[in-house]
Structures are given as C-alpha cells and as structure tokens.
Amino acid sequence: MEEASVYIHIPYCKQACHYCDFHFSTLRNSEGKVIEQMHSELRAAAPLWRERKMKSLYFGGGTPSVLAPEVLEAFIQQATLLFNWEEHVEITIEANPDDITPERLDQWFRMGINRLSVGLQSFNDHELSIMNRAHNAAHSLQCLKWINESSFSNFTVDLMYGMPGSTLQSWQQQLDILATFHPPHLSCYALTVEEKTALHVKVNQGEIVLPSDEVMVEQFAALRNWASSQGLEHYELSNFAQPGQRSRHNSHYWTGGPYLGIGPGAHSFDGQKRYWNISNNTLYAQGASPTSEELSVRDILNERLMVRLRTAVGFRWSDDLPTGFSSTLLDTLKRDVQAQVNTGNLIHNNDGFFIPPAKWMESDAIIANLFL
C-alpha cells in the first residue's frame, strides 16, 4: 500500500511576523466556521485516500499552538477514524515558545501528539523584535527547559541565520545556547526576504540591513561544523537530526510522495495532480472549490529534482524517474547532469547523483540548470 501524509493548516497567528508570507490571519472571528469546513474537507477527502497508508499527521500554519487542545484533539480523532494509519505514526504540532507550558505539553502528549516543532527563530531579543515575533528570548529558554522535562523526546527547533545585525560570532553564540538543550532535530533557515512582506518593505527602504552573502556563507559553514560536533547528521539543506530522529513528514515531501492538505491555503498532491485551497478564510469557510493542475512528466521530474537534490541522498535513477519518462528526455537529463559533474557541482554515486555539501548554498542555481 502506497504511503501518504496528512497536513492540516491552521490559519491563525497572534501577530504577523515581518518575514512570513504563509497564509494566516490574526483575526479569529471566523474560526468556528473555518474549523467546521476543515472537518468537512477531511470527510470528503477520505474515500479518495483510504487506499494509502498514512505515515504522518502534521499541524502547520499559521500557529497551531494557539488553538484550544480540544480543537486539535478533535482533528486527531476524526483523522484516526477516516484513514488507514501506520502503526507508529508521527504526529507533529508547530508551536511558538509563548504558547508552551508544562500543562499544555502534557495535554498535547496525552492526545497523541508525539513530536514538537518549536519556532524559536532566535535567542536574541533584538532580532526577535525586528522580526515582530510574539515571544522573547526568555520564553525560548524556558520552553526548552520545560520540553526537556516533559514526556516529549522527539522535538525540533527552528533557528534562522542571516538575521539583521548578526555576525559569525553572534550566530555561534546562538548555537552554543541551543547546544545546552540537546535538541534531537534542528531546522535552520537563512532569512529570506519575500515580496509583499513587511520585511521586504523595510529592507527596500534601508530601514533594515541584512548581513552580506559572505557572512551568511560563513554562518552556514559554522552551522555545519557545529551540527557535526553535536552528532547531528545534515540530511537536508536546512535540516539536521540525531540518528533515527529525521522528520518522517518532511522526508515524505522530499521523496515526492503524495500528501493531503486540509485548510485554507493548504496544498495536496496525489502523485499526478496538485490541488490547493483558496488562501482566504471567509471564502474557504463558505466552501470555495480548490484549484487543481495536472502535472506533466516533465513537471514531476523537475519537482523531484528540486526536492531530492536538497537532500544528502540526492536523486536516484531507480526511484525518482517518473513513470512515462522517455529515453529522449533521459538522454537530455544525463547530458546535463554530466556537465554539472564536470564543474564539480554534482557528484555521481552508484544509483544517481547529489550536490556535495560544500555546494549546498548554491543548490537553487545548480538545480535550475537541470530543469527540463
């Protein structure tokens, strides 16, 4: 039975982070109707997904931790009844430090959530303020202490490098603080300036100045060295894990597997078609139909190149070529791969090719040169 995953998008936040371009709202007046429609969407999707074995359930957003525990538990209970699940399913909730308390950790764990994704972003109050985060450094330190004292053994922490005003030294200090809590997993992203965000406006106006590319490269190198010293394997461009602690949900995305997305702005992929819901809470609650597109063989191949080459495993000829891929296209791809190998951007292995870790900061450009 083919494996799949379920993603539930919670479209609410306490306040708007200046760098975020995901769909969310700080107004919760329509929450009841939105949640009701999400349950309806789950029920409607179930017959189309029962032939797959669900390996993970992920609450993302937005900020899922702002919801009352009983609302989250109702989703888990319904999804458990509607789908076929693997025996050891991974259930993750994204949580902000200011929403985490010992009582809330206990409630989440008892309802079946077994993995936390904690949106720290920084231990520096100035950086958090610039990004308009709802928590401060004290919240971050306290919540990690509580997590280590809780029933949760599986958690990941989000940190950002390339923050305004940061240096190689200040970034190393962030990592040294994190080391004291021994996280089993780390997701670490370069701050990206997305269009139509408050950060984009402030950078364009010169109000916020970001570190140079050279500093960001140094910070990334320091991150890799630190992770290695902590026993964390660098298994995806932005993700590091202790052995056996990789994210099952995100790893499923990176293999190009099918997934069901529920909620406003959520995306689904059934292996051939992509679907996405309207990014408007009011219209979603009124039952607006999703948009869909049929992916061509080339589309599927390009997407697999994009996700697989962000991983340490890389692209595998035996597993990652889509059904119906022609010999002509294969010849073109192999020629382009060899050209990148000749420049040192790619390395062959027994069953495919991968980007060497030293080149991961250039991965977007390398992958783009392979797109058909």
Protein backbone atom coordinates (compact mmCIF):
# COMPACT_ATOMS: atom_id res chain seq x y z
CA MET A 1 0.00 0.00 0.00
CA GLU A 2 1.42 3.39 -1.02
CA GLU A 3 2.41 5.73 1.81
CA ALA A 4 1.00 9.23 2.19
CA SER A 5 0.84 12.05 4.76
CA VAL A 6 -1.75 14.49 6.05
CA TYR A 7 -1.08 18.19 6.57
CA ILE A 8 -3.58 20.36 8.48
CA HIS A 9 -3.10 24.10 8.03
CA ILE A 10 -4.17 26.22 10.99
CA PRO A 11 -4.53 29.75 9.55
CA TYR A 12 -4.26 31.82 12.73
CA CYS A 13 -1.46 33.71 14.50
CA LYS A 14 -1.26 36.10 17.44
CA GLN A 15 0.56 38.67 15.32
CA ALA A 16 2.18 39.00 11.91
CA CYS A 17 5.89 38.16 11.72
CA HIS A 18 7.56 40.59 9.33
CA TYR A 19 9.23 37.90 7.18
CA CYS A 20 6.30 35.49 6.80
CA ASP A 21 4.43 35.00 3.52
CA PHE A 22 2.40 31.93 4.54
CA HIS A 23 -1.39 32.24 4.71
CA PHE A 24 -2.61 33.27 8.16
CA SER A 25 -4.89 35.75 9.90
CA THR A 26 -4.66 37.49 13.25
CA LEU A 27 -8.47 37.80 13.27
CA ARG A 28 -10.24 34.72 14.61
CA ASN A 29 -13.87 35.80 14.25
CA SER A 30 -14.47 33.09 11.59
CA GLU A 31 -12.58 30.34 13.44
CA GLY A 32 -15.61 28.18 14.21
CA LYS A 33 -16.80 28.13 10.59
CA VAL A 34 -13.29 27.52 9.27
CA ILE A 35 -12.74 24.57 11.63
CA GLU A 36 -16.13 23.13 10.67
CA GLN A 37 -15.26 23.37 6.97
CA MET A 38 -11.89 21.70 7.62
CA HIS A 39 -13.67 18.73 9.17
CA SER A 40 -15.97 18.62 6.16
CA GLU A 41 -12.95 18.65 3.86
CA LEU A 42 -11.40 15.75 5.78
CA ARG A 43 -14.57 13.68 5.47
CA ALA A 44 -14.90 14.44 1.74
CA ALA A 45 -11.28 13.50 1.06
CA ALA A 46 -11.28 10.23 2.99
CA PRO A 47 -12.73 7.93 0.27
CA LEU A 48 -10.05 9.10 -2.19
CA TRP A 49 -7.17 8.44 0.24
CA ARG A 50 -8.20 5.24 2.05
CA GLU A 51 -6.11 3.09 -0.29
CA ARG A 52 -2.96 4.74 1.04
CA LYS A 53 -1.20 4.16 4.34
CA MET A 54 -0.80 7.42 6.25
CA LYS A 55 2.61 7.75 7.90
CA SER A 56 2.35 11.21 9.44
CA LEU A 57 -0.04 13.94 10.54
CA TYR A 58 1.32 17.47 10.72
CA PHE A 59 -0.33 20.57 12.20
CA GLY A 60 1.26 23.59 10.50
CA GLY A 61 0.33 27.19 9.93
CA GLY A 62 -0.07 29.82 10.97
CA THR A 63 0.39 28.86 14.58
CA PRO A 64 -1.42 25.62 15.53
CA SER A 65 -0.45 26.05 19.18
CA VAL A 66 -2.91 28.98 19.52
CA LEU A 67 -5.83 26.55 19.20
CA ALA A 68 -7.51 25.06 22.24
CA PRO A 69 -6.28 21.47 22.85
CA GLU A 70 -9.77 20.03 22.38
CA VAL A 71 -9.92 21.51 18.85
CA LEU A 72 -6.65 19.81 17.92
CA GLU A 73 -7.75 16.56 19.55
CA ALA A 74 -10.96 16.53 17.51
CA PHE A 75 -8.89 16.61 14.31
CA ILE A 76 -6.71 13.73 15.51
CA GLN A 77 -9.75 11.66 16.47
CA GLN A 78 -11.51 12.24 13.16
CA ALA A 79 -8.40 11.60 11.06
CA THR A 80 -7.76 8.38 13.02
CA LEU A 81 -11.22 7.12 12.10
CA LEU A 82 -11.16 8.23 8.46
CA PHE A 83 -7.78 6.95 7.22
CA ASN A 84 -5.55 3.90 7.36
CA TRP A 85 -2.53 4.63 9.54
CA GLU A 86 0.85 3.05 10.00
CA GLU A 87 1.43 1.54 13.43
CA HIS A 88 3.94 4.17 14.58
CA VAL A 89 2.50 7.35 13.05
CA GLU A 90 4.34 10.64 13.57
CA ILE A 91 2.04 13.45 14.77
CA THR A 92 3.67 16.89 14.85
CA ILE A 93 2.46 20.28 16.03
CA GLU A 94 4.18 23.56 15.27
CA ALA A 95 4.29 25.61 18.46
CA ASN A 96 5.55 29.04 19.44
CA PRO A 97 7.51 29.37 22.70
CA ASP A 98 4.94 31.69 24.28
CA ASP A 99 2.21 29.03 23.87
CA ILE A 100 4.20 26.29 25.59
CA THR A 101 3.56 25.46 29.25
CA PRO A 102 4.03 22.22 31.20
CA GLU A 103 0.25 21.79 31.26
CA ARG A 104 -0.09 22.30 27.52
CA LEU A 105 2.78 19.89 26.79
CA ASP A 106 1.04 17.24 28.88
CA GLN A 107 -2.27 17.83 27.09
CA TRP A 108 -0.69 17.55 23.64
CA PHE A 109 1.18 14.39 24.52
CA ARG A 110 -1.87 12.67 26.02
CA MET A 111 -3.95 13.35 22.90
CA GLY A 112 -1.38 11.56 20.73
CA ILE A 113 0.96 14.31 19.51
CA ASN A 114 4.46 12.84 19.69
CA ARG A 115 6.63 15.47 18.02
CA LEU A 116 7.02 19.22 18.55
CA SER A 117 8.30 21.80 16.06
CA VAL A 118 9.26 24.84 18.11
CA GLY A 119 9.51 28.19 16.28
CA LEU A 120 12.31 29.82 18.26
CA GLN A 121 13.98 31.58 15.27
CA SER A 122 16.47 33.33 17.59
CA PHE A 123 17.69 33.62 21.18
CA ASN A 124 18.40 37.33 20.61
CA ASP A 125 15.70 39.76 21.80
CA HIS A 126 16.72 42.44 19.30
CA GLU A 127 16.41 40.01 16.36
CA LEU A 128 13.06 38.75 17.62
CA SER A 129 11.78 42.31 17.96
CA ILE A 130 12.88 43.23 14.42
CA MET A 131 11.02 40.18 13.09
CA ASN A 132 7.94 41.06 15.23
CA ARG A 133 7.87 37.69 16.94
CA ALA A 134 5.36 37.30 19.79
CA HIS A 135 7.91 35.76 22.16
CA ASN A 136 11.23 36.82 23.65
CA ALA A 137 14.48 35.00 24.45
CA ALA A 138 13.34 34.22 27.98
CA HIS A 139 10.28 32.40 26.58
CA SER A 140 12.58 30.35 24.34
CA LEU A 141 14.89 29.29 27.15
CA GLN A 142 12.01 28.46 29.47
CA CYS A 143 10.05 26.43 26.91
CA LEU A 144 13.09 24.31 26.02
CA LYS A 145 13.64 23.57 29.70
CA TRP A 146 10.01 22.50 30.04
CA ILE A 147 10.22 20.33 26.91
CA ASN A 148 13.28 18.55 28.26
CA GLU A 149 11.38 17.88 31.48
CA SER A 150 8.24 16.66 29.65
CA SER A 151 7.23 13.35 28.04
CA PHE A 152 8.39 14.61 24.63
CA SER A 153 11.63 13.02 23.46
CA ASN A 154 11.09 13.96 19.81
CA PHE A 155 11.22 17.68 19.04
CA THR A 156 12.78 20.04 16.55
CA VAL A 157 13.83 23.66 16.90
CA ASP A 158 13.67 26.34 14.18
CA LEU A 159 16.52 28.85 14.02
CA MET A 160 17.37 31.49 11.41
CA TYR A 161 20.76 32.70 10.29
CA GLY A 162 21.36 35.80 8.18
CA MET A 163 19.36 37.88 10.66
CA PRO A 164 19.73 41.70 10.59
CA GLY A 165 22.83 42.77 12.50
CA SER A 166 24.06 39.23 13.05
CA THR A 167 27.71 38.26 12.70
CA LEU A 168 29.58 34.99 12.65
CA GLN A 169 30.29 35.45 16.36
CA SER A 170 26.69 36.24 17.33
CA TRP A 171 25.48 33.24 15.32
CA GLN A 172 27.95 30.95 17.07
CA GLN A 173 26.59 32.20 20.38
CA GLN A 174 23.08 31.18 19.29
CA LEU A 175 24.30 27.66 18.52
CA ASP A 176 26.16 27.42 21.81
CA ILE A 177 22.97 28.28 23.70
CA LEU A 178 21.00 25.67 21.77
CA ALA A 179 23.63 23.01 22.49
CA THR A 180 22.79 23.10 26.20
CA PHE A 181 19.30 21.70 25.43
CA HIS A 182 20.46 18.81 23.17
CA PRO A 183 17.72 19.02 20.53
CA PRO A 184 17.28 15.76 18.57
CA HIS A 185 16.46 17.75 15.44
CA LEU A 186 17.18 21.23 14.08
CA SER A 187 15.63 23.09 11.15
CA CYS A 188 17.82 26.04 10.26
CA TYR A 189 16.93 28.53 7.54
CA ALA A 190 18.58 31.55 6.01
CA LEU A 191 16.34 34.58 6.45
CA THR A 192 14.68 35.14 3.08
CA VAL A 193 13.13 38.45 2.06
CA GLU A 194 9.81 37.54 0.45
CA GLU A 195 7.92 40.08 -1.64
CA LYS A 196 4.85 41.75 -0.13
CA THR A 197 6.08 41.25 3.44
CA ALA A 198 6.86 43.96 6.00
CA LEU A 199 10.49 42.84 5.93
CA HIS A 200 10.64 43.40 2.16
CA VAL A 201 9.42 46.98 2.60
CA LYS A 202 11.87 47.73 5.42
CA VAL A 203 14.85 46.28 3.51
CA ASN A 204 13.97 48.25 0.37
CA GLN A 205 13.70 51.44 2.40
CA GLY A 206 17.07 50.80 4.03
CA GLU A 207 15.49 50.60 7.47
CA ILE A 208 16.83 47.05 7.90
CA VAL A 209 20.24 45.94 6.63
CA LEU A 210 20.95 42.25 6.19
CA PRO A 211 24.37 40.60 6.53
CA SER A 212 26.46 40.22 3.38
CA ASP A 213 26.37 36.99 1.36
CA GLU A 214 29.89 36.28 2.61
CA VAL A 215 28.75 36.43 6.24
CA MET A 216 25.79 34.15 5.52
CA VAL A 217 28.11 31.61 3.87
CA GLU A 218 30.34 31.74 6.96
CA GLN A 219 27.31 31.27 9.23
CA PHE A 220 26.17 28.26 7.19
CA ALA A 221 29.65 26.71 7.41
CA ALA A 222 29.71 27.32 11.17
CA LEU A 223 26.28 25.68 11.42
CA ARG A 224 27.50 22.56 9.62
CA ASN A 225 30.59 22.31 11.81
CA TRP A 226 28.56 22.81 14.98
CA ALA A 227 25.96 20.22 13.94
CA SER A 228 28.68 17.66 13.26
CA SER A 229 30.19 18.29 16.71
CA GLN A 230 26.73 17.65 18.22
CA GLY A 231 26.26 14.34 16.41
CA LEU A 232 23.57 15.79 14.11
CA GLU A 233 23.54 14.50 10.55
CA HIS A 234 22.97 17.10 7.82
CA TYR A 235 20.38 15.17 5.85
CA GLU A 236 18.65 18.04 4.01
CA LEU A 237 19.76 21.55 3.11
CA SER A 238 18.07 23.12 6.16
CA ASN A 239 17.64 20.09 8.42
CA PHE A 240 19.83 18.24 10.90
CA ALA A 241 18.97 15.22 13.04
CA GLN A 242 20.35 12.82 15.57
CA PRO A 243 20.40 9.24 14.18
CA GLY A 244 16.83 7.93 13.95
CA GLN A 245 15.28 11.39 14.53
CA ARG A 246 14.71 12.61 10.98
CA SER A 247 11.33 14.21 10.29
CA ARG A 248 9.18 11.48 8.73
CA HIS A 249 6.64 14.02 7.47
CA ASN A 250 9.06 16.37 5.72
CA SER A 251 11.14 13.45 4.44
CA HIS A 252 7.98 12.23 2.72
CA TYR A 253 7.76 15.56 0.85
CA TRP A 254 11.41 15.27 -0.17
CA THR A 255 10.82 11.88 -1.79
CA GLY A 256 7.97 13.32 -3.87
CA GLY A 257 5.32 11.24 -2.10
CA PRO A 258 1.57 12.02 -2.13
CA TYR A 259 0.09 14.15 0.63
CA LEU A 260 -3.31 15.52 1.59
CA GLY A 261 -3.56 19.16 2.69
CA ILE A 262 -6.53 20.39 4.72
CA GLY A 263 -7.45 24.01 5.45
CA PRO A 264 -7.24 27.47 3.84
CA GLY A 265 -4.20 27.75 1.59
CA ALA A 266 -3.26 24.07 2.02
CA HIS A 267 -1.84 22.09 -0.93
CA SER A 268 -2.33 18.42 -1.84
CA PHE A 269 -0.54 16.13 -4.29
CA ASP A 270 -1.92 12.72 -5.30
CA GLY A 271 1.03 11.68 -7.45
CA GLN A 272 -0.26 13.19 -10.67
CA LYS A 273 -2.39 16.22 -9.79
CA ARG A 274 -1.78 19.12 -7.44
CA TYR A 275 -4.66 20.79 -5.59
CA TRP A 276 -4.69 23.90 -3.45
CA ASN A 277 -7.33 25.65 -1.39
CA ILE A 278 -8.11 29.32 -1.54
CA SER A 279 -5.98 31.45 0.81
CA ASN A 280 -8.96 33.29 2.26
CA ASN A 281 -10.57 32.14 5.49
CA THR A 282 -14.02 33.55 4.77
CA LEU A 283 -14.28 32.10 1.26
CA TYR A 284 -12.84 28.78 2.41
CA ALA A 285 -15.45 28.56 5.17
CA GLN A 286 -18.13 29.14 2.53
CA GLY A 287 -16.93 26.04 0.64
CA ALA A 288 -14.86 27.55 -2.18
CA SER A 289 -13.63 24.80 -4.50
CA PRO A 290 -9.90 24.03 -4.70
CA THR A 291 -7.85 24.80 -7.78
CA SER A 292 -6.04 21.91 -9.48
CA GLU A 293 -3.49 21.24 -12.17
CA GLU A 294 -2.37 18.05 -13.91
CA LEU A 295 1.39 17.69 -13.82
CA SER A 296 3.23 16.54 -16.92
CA VAL A 297 6.07 14.02 -16.79
CA ARG A 298 8.48 16.94 -17.10
CA ASP A 299 6.77 18.79 -14.23
CA ILE A 300 7.04 15.77 -11.96
CA LEU A 301 10.69 15.23 -12.90
CA ASN A 302 11.56 18.88 -12.24
CA GLU A 303 9.85 18.80 -8.86
CA ARG A 304 11.69 15.63 -7.89
CA LEU A 305 14.99 17.18 -8.90
CA MET A 306 14.14 20.20 -6.78
CA VAL A 307 13.33 18.26 -3.60
CA ARG A 308 15.73 15.32 -3.95
CA LEU A 309 18.80 17.45 -4.63
CA ARG A 310 18.21 19.33 -1.39
CA THR A 311 18.95 16.08 0.45
CA ALA A 312 22.17 14.21 1.24
CA VAL A 313 20.86 11.18 -0.66
CA GLY A 314 20.30 13.15 -3.84
CA PHE A 315 18.49 11.94 -6.96
CA ARG A 316 18.21 8.18 -7.57
CA TRP A 317 17.76 6.83 -11.08
CA SER A 318 15.98 3.70 -9.81
CA ASP A 319 13.38 5.51 -7.70
CA ASP A 320 13.00 9.11 -8.83
CA LEU A 321 12.37 8.95 -12.59
CA PRO A 322 8.60 9.37 -13.10
CA THR A 323 6.51 6.81 -14.94
CA GLY A 324 6.43 7.51 -18.69
CA PHE A 325 9.77 9.31 -18.77
CA SER A 326 11.07 8.96 -22.35
CA SER A 327 14.52 7.81 -23.40
CA THR A 328 14.98 11.14 -25.22
CA LEU A 329 14.35 13.14 -22.05
CA LEU A 330 16.57 10.75 -20.12
CA ASP A 331 19.44 11.34 -22.53
CA THR A 332 18.99 15.11 -22.13
CA LEU A 333 18.98 14.86 -18.35
CA LYS A 334 22.06 12.63 -18.25
CA ARG A 335 23.92 15.05 -20.52
CA ASP A 336 23.03 18.00 -18.27
CA VAL A 337 23.99 16.04 -15.16
CA GLN A 338 27.39 15.18 -16.63
CA ALA A 339 28.00 18.86 -17.43
CA GLN A 340 27.37 19.72 -13.76
CA VAL A 341 29.58 16.83 -12.64
CA ASN A 342 32.39 18.19 -14.81
CA THR A 343 32.22 21.54 -12.98
CA GLY A 344 32.12 19.90 -9.53
CA ASN A 345 28.53 20.95 -8.84
CA LEU A 346 27.33 17.34 -8.78
CA ILE A 347 28.85 14.01 -7.79
CA HIS A 348 27.88 10.61 -9.20
CA ASN A 349 27.09 7.73 -6.88
CA ASN A 350 26.07 4.14 -7.64
CA ASP A 351 22.44 4.98 -8.37
CA GLY A 352 22.31 8.66 -9.20
CA PHE A 353 23.89 11.95 -8.24
CA PHE A 354 23.94 14.52 -5.46
CA ILE A 355 25.14 18.04 -4.69
CA PRO A 356 28.25 17.98 -2.48
CA PRO A 357 27.59 19.67 0.89
CA ALA A 358 30.14 22.39 0.14
CA LYS A 359 27.88 23.48 -2.76
CA TRP A 360 24.54 23.36 -0.94
CA MET A 361 24.36 27.14 -0.62
CA GLU A 362 24.34 27.23 -4.43
CA SER A 363 21.78 24.46 -4.79
CA ASP A 364 18.97 26.56 -6.29
CA ALA A 365 21.14 27.62 -9.25
CA ILE A 366 22.56 24.11 -9.73
CA ILE A 367 19.11 22.51 -9.74
CA ALA A 368 17.71 25.15 -12.10
CA ASN A 369 20.34 24.17 -14.67
CA LEU A 370 18.92 20.63 -14.70
CA PHE A 371 15.25 21.53 -15.17
CA LEU A 372 13.73 20.21 -18.39
